[in-house]
Amino acid sequence: MTIIRHHTNERSSKIVIHNKTIYLTGQVAKDRDSDITTQTQQVLDKIEALLEEVGSNKNRILSAQVWLSNIAHFAAMNLVWNKWIDEGNQPARATIEARLAAPELLVEISVIAAE
């Protein structure tokens, strides 16, 4: 089976495709000084764009991992997530509190999707 990698740098690839499954690296917001609502929307927009780039979409997400810098952001993040994900297409999902790569980051999301 072929493995296809997109947007590769010295550490990782933003997209890896293997056996008709798409793996996205963890995505973070561009505007790191914004609130959890804005950061979550920016992350979801990036995920959607990356999936579309390889011929998939948010309704084909199988699994999502959500990391929050503070679990107190859970409800606000979910408000954005719930508006973004289409009814009937909710993936398996886990959300945990974790220290992220930079203190101003509030949320990071990684997904696995079908082609």
C-alpha atoms as a PDB file:
ATOM      1  CA  MET A   1       0.000   0.000   0.000  1.00  0.00           C
ATOM      2  CA  THR A   2       1.196   3.454  -0.881  1.00  0.00           C
ATOM      3  CA  ILE A   3       1.597   6.154   1.753  1.00  0.00           C
ATOM      4  CA  ILE A   4       1.094   9.717   0.505  1.00  0.00           C
ATOM      5  CA  ARG A   5       2.320  12.686   2.546  1.00  0.00           C
ATOM      6  CA  HIS A   6       1.431  16.363   2.052  1.00  0.00           C
ATOM      7  CA  HIS A   7       2.935  19.525   3.565  1.00  0.00           C
ATOM      8  CA  THR A   8       5.909  17.706   5.042  1.00  0.00           C
ATOM      9  CA  ASN A   9       8.574  19.436   7.135  1.00  0.00           C
ATOM     10  CA  GLU A  10      11.444  18.183   9.281  1.00  0.00           C
ATOM     11  CA  ARG A  11       9.063  16.890  12.003  1.00  0.00           C
ATOM     12  CA  SER A  12       5.789  15.869  10.450  1.00  0.00           C
ATOM     13  CA  SER A  13       3.343  15.925   7.573  1.00  0.00           C
ATOM     14  CA  LYS A  14       0.089  17.877   7.852  1.00  0.00           C
ATOM     15  CA  ILE A  15      -1.679  15.134   5.889  1.00  0.00           C
ATOM     16  CA  VAL A  16      -0.863  11.429   5.568  1.00  0.00           C
ATOM     17  CA  ILE A  17      -3.025   9.136   3.444  1.00  0.00           C
ATOM     18  CA  HIS A  18      -2.838   5.366   3.680  1.00  0.00           C
ATOM     19  CA  ASN A  19      -5.354   2.748   2.611  1.00  0.00           C
ATOM     20  CA  LYS A  20      -8.056   5.372   1.888  1.00  0.00           C
ATOM     21  CA  THR A  21      -7.692   6.836   5.387  1.00  0.00           C
ATOM     22  CA  ILE A  22      -6.590  10.431   5.963  1.00  0.00           C
ATOM     23  CA  TYR A  23      -4.629  11.386   9.065  1.00  0.00           C
ATOM     24  CA  LEU A  24      -4.238  15.069   9.933  1.00  0.00           C
ATOM     25  CA  THR A  25      -1.618  16.366  12.296  1.00  0.00           C
ATOM     26  CA  GLY A  26      -2.846  18.435  15.225  1.00  0.00           C
ATOM     27  CA  GLN A  27      -4.128  21.824  14.067  1.00  0.00           C
ATOM     28  CA  VAL A  28      -3.926  25.032  16.090  1.00  0.00           C
ATOM     29  CA  ALA A  29      -5.296  28.539  15.566  1.00  0.00           C
ATOM     30  CA  LYS A  30      -3.514  31.185  13.521  1.00  0.00           C
ATOM     31  CA  ASP A  31      -4.584  33.972  15.890  1.00  0.00           C
ATOM     32  CA  ARG A  32      -3.048  32.810  19.137  1.00  0.00           C
ATOM     33  CA  ASP A  33      -4.232  35.901  21.022  1.00  0.00           C
ATOM     34  CA  SER A  34      -7.917  35.158  20.425  1.00  0.00           C
ATOM     35  CA  ASP A  35     -10.430  33.503  22.732  1.00  0.00           C
ATOM     36  CA  ILE A  36     -11.423  29.826  22.744  1.00  0.00           C
ATOM     37  CA  THR A  37     -14.381  30.411  20.424  1.00  0.00           C
ATOM     38  CA  THR A  38     -12.260  32.056  17.740  1.00  0.00           C
ATOM     39  CA  GLN A  39      -9.397  29.593  18.125  1.00  0.00           C
ATOM     40  CA  THR A  40     -11.757  26.629  17.835  1.00  0.00           C
ATOM     41  CA  GLN A  41     -13.373  28.032  14.681  1.00  0.00           C
ATOM     42  CA  GLN A  42      -9.976  28.719  13.109  1.00  0.00           C
ATOM     43  CA  VAL A  43      -8.837  25.160  13.859  1.00  0.00           C
ATOM     44  CA  LEU A  44     -12.010  23.657  12.386  1.00  0.00           C
ATOM     45  CA  ASP A  45     -11.661  25.857   9.280  1.00  0.00           C
ATOM     46  CA  LYS A  46      -8.091  24.589   8.814  1.00  0.00           C
ATOM     47  CA  ILE A  47      -9.225  20.972   9.215  1.00  0.00           C
ATOM     48  CA  GLU A  48     -11.987  21.456   6.682  1.00  0.00           C
ATOM     49  CA  ALA A  49      -9.590  23.042   4.159  1.00  0.00           C
ATOM     50  CA  LEU A  50      -7.006  20.262   4.553  1.00  0.00           C
ATOM     51  CA  LEU A  51      -9.633  17.552   4.087  1.00  0.00           C
ATOM     52  CA  GLU A  52     -11.044  19.285   1.001  1.00  0.00           C
ATOM     53  CA  GLU A  53      -7.529  19.562  -0.416  1.00  0.00           C
ATOM     54  CA  VAL A  54      -7.351  15.762  -0.604  1.00  0.00           C
ATOM     55  CA  GLY A  55     -10.930  15.175  -1.744  1.00  0.00           C
ATOM     56  CA  SER A  56     -12.625  14.540   1.591  1.00  0.00           C
ATOM     57  CA  ASN A  57     -14.745  16.656   3.922  1.00  0.00           C
ATOM     58  CA  LYS A  58     -15.777  17.089   7.555  1.00  0.00           C
ATOM     59  CA  ASN A  59     -18.656  14.611   7.175  1.00  0.00           C
ATOM     60  CA  ARG A  60     -16.110  11.846   6.557  1.00  0.00           C
ATOM     61  CA  ILE A  61     -14.265  12.353   9.860  1.00  0.00           C
ATOM     62  CA  LEU A  62     -14.037   9.050  11.709  1.00  0.00           C
ATOM     63  CA  SER A  63     -12.280  10.163  14.864  1.00  0.00           C
ATOM     64  CA  ALA A  64     -11.217  13.425  16.508  1.00  0.00           C
ATOM     65  CA  GLN A  65      -8.815  14.153  19.340  1.00  0.00           C
ATOM     66  CA  VAL A  66      -9.321  17.512  21.061  1.00  0.00           C
ATOM     67  CA  TRP A  67      -6.765  18.923  23.469  1.00  0.00           C
ATOM     68  CA  LEU A  68      -7.737  21.913  25.610  1.00  0.00           C
ATOM     69  CA  SER A  69      -5.245  23.961  27.614  1.00  0.00           C
ATOM     70  CA  ASN A  70      -7.937  24.277  30.280  1.00  0.00           C
ATOM     71  CA  ILE A  71     -10.930  21.929  30.583  1.00  0.00           C
ATOM     72  CA  ALA A  72     -12.959  24.993  31.628  1.00  0.00           C
ATOM     73  CA  HIS A  73     -13.051  25.784  27.865  1.00  0.00           C
ATOM     74  CA  PHE A  74     -14.972  22.550  27.178  1.00  0.00           C
ATOM     75  CA  ALA A  75     -18.455  24.100  26.928  1.00  0.00           C
ATOM     76  CA  ALA A  76     -17.357  27.036  24.746  1.00  0.00           C
ATOM     77  CA  MET A  77     -15.381  24.738  22.425  1.00  0.00           C
ATOM     78  CA  ASN A  78     -18.395  22.432  22.133  1.00  0.00           C
ATOM     79  CA  LEU A  79     -20.672  25.319  21.102  1.00  0.00           C
ATOM     80  CA  VAL A  80     -18.446  25.938  18.086  1.00  0.00           C
ATOM     81  CA  TRP A  81     -17.957  22.224  17.363  1.00  0.00           C
ATOM     82  CA  ASN A  82     -21.704  21.511  17.525  1.00  0.00           C
ATOM     83  CA  LYS A  83     -22.470  24.262  14.984  1.00  0.00           C
ATOM     84  CA  TRP A  84     -19.694  23.002  12.689  1.00  0.00           C
ATOM     85  CA  ILE A  85     -20.347  19.257  12.612  1.00  0.00           C
ATOM     86  CA  ASP A  86     -23.370  18.194  10.606  1.00  0.00           C
ATOM     87  CA  GLU A  87     -26.083  16.178  12.349  1.00  0.00           C
ATOM     88  CA  GLY A  88     -25.680  12.472  11.705  1.00  0.00           C
ATOM     89  CA  ASN A  89     -21.947  12.799  10.970  1.00  0.00           C
ATOM     90  CA  GLN A  90     -20.543  13.070  14.493  1.00  0.00           C
ATOM     91  CA  PRO A  91     -17.221  11.202  14.743  1.00  0.00           C
ATOM     92  CA  ALA A  92     -15.856   9.262  17.671  1.00  0.00           C
ATOM     93  CA  ARG A  93     -14.200  11.959  19.788  1.00  0.00           C
ATOM     94  CA  ALA A  94     -12.076  12.362  22.881  1.00  0.00           C
ATOM     95  CA  THR A  95     -11.335  15.627  24.670  1.00  0.00           C
ATOM     96  CA  ILE A  96      -8.608  16.043  27.257  1.00  0.00           C
ATOM     97  CA  GLU A  97      -6.877  18.831  29.129  1.00  0.00           C
ATOM     98  CA  ALA A  98      -3.191  19.131  28.272  1.00  0.00           C
ATOM     99  CA  ARG A  99      -0.344  21.588  28.220  1.00  0.00           C
ATOM    100  CA  LEU A 100      -0.078  22.674  24.589  1.00  0.00           C
ATOM    101  CA  ALA A 101       3.050  23.690  22.658  1.00  0.00           C
ATOM    102  CA  ALA A 102       2.678  27.392  23.505  1.00  0.00           C
ATOM    103  CA  PRO A 103       0.893  29.016  26.457  1.00  0.00           C
ATOM    104  CA  GLU A 104      -1.343  31.168  24.247  1.00  0.00           C
ATOM    105  CA  LEU A 105      -2.770  28.111  22.467  1.00  0.00           C
ATOM    106  CA  LEU A 106      -6.140  27.126  23.901  1.00  0.00           C
ATOM    107  CA  VAL A 107      -7.127  24.217  21.644  1.00  0.00           C
ATOM    108  CA  GLU A 108      -5.550  21.692  19.284  1.00  0.00           C
ATOM    109  CA  ILE A 109      -7.499  19.175  17.212  1.00  0.00           C
ATOM    110  CA  SER A 110      -6.356  16.194  15.160  1.00  0.00           C
ATOM    111  CA  VAL A 111      -8.641  14.047  13.023  1.00  0.00           C
ATOM    112  CA  ILE A 112      -8.712  10.806  11.098  1.00  0.00           C
ATOM    113  CA  ALA A 113     -11.065  10.743   8.102  1.00  0.00           C
ATOM    114  CA  ALA A 114     -12.101   8.520   5.232  1.00  0.00           C
ATOM    115  CA  GLU A 115     -11.208   9.583   1.676  1.00  0.00           C
END
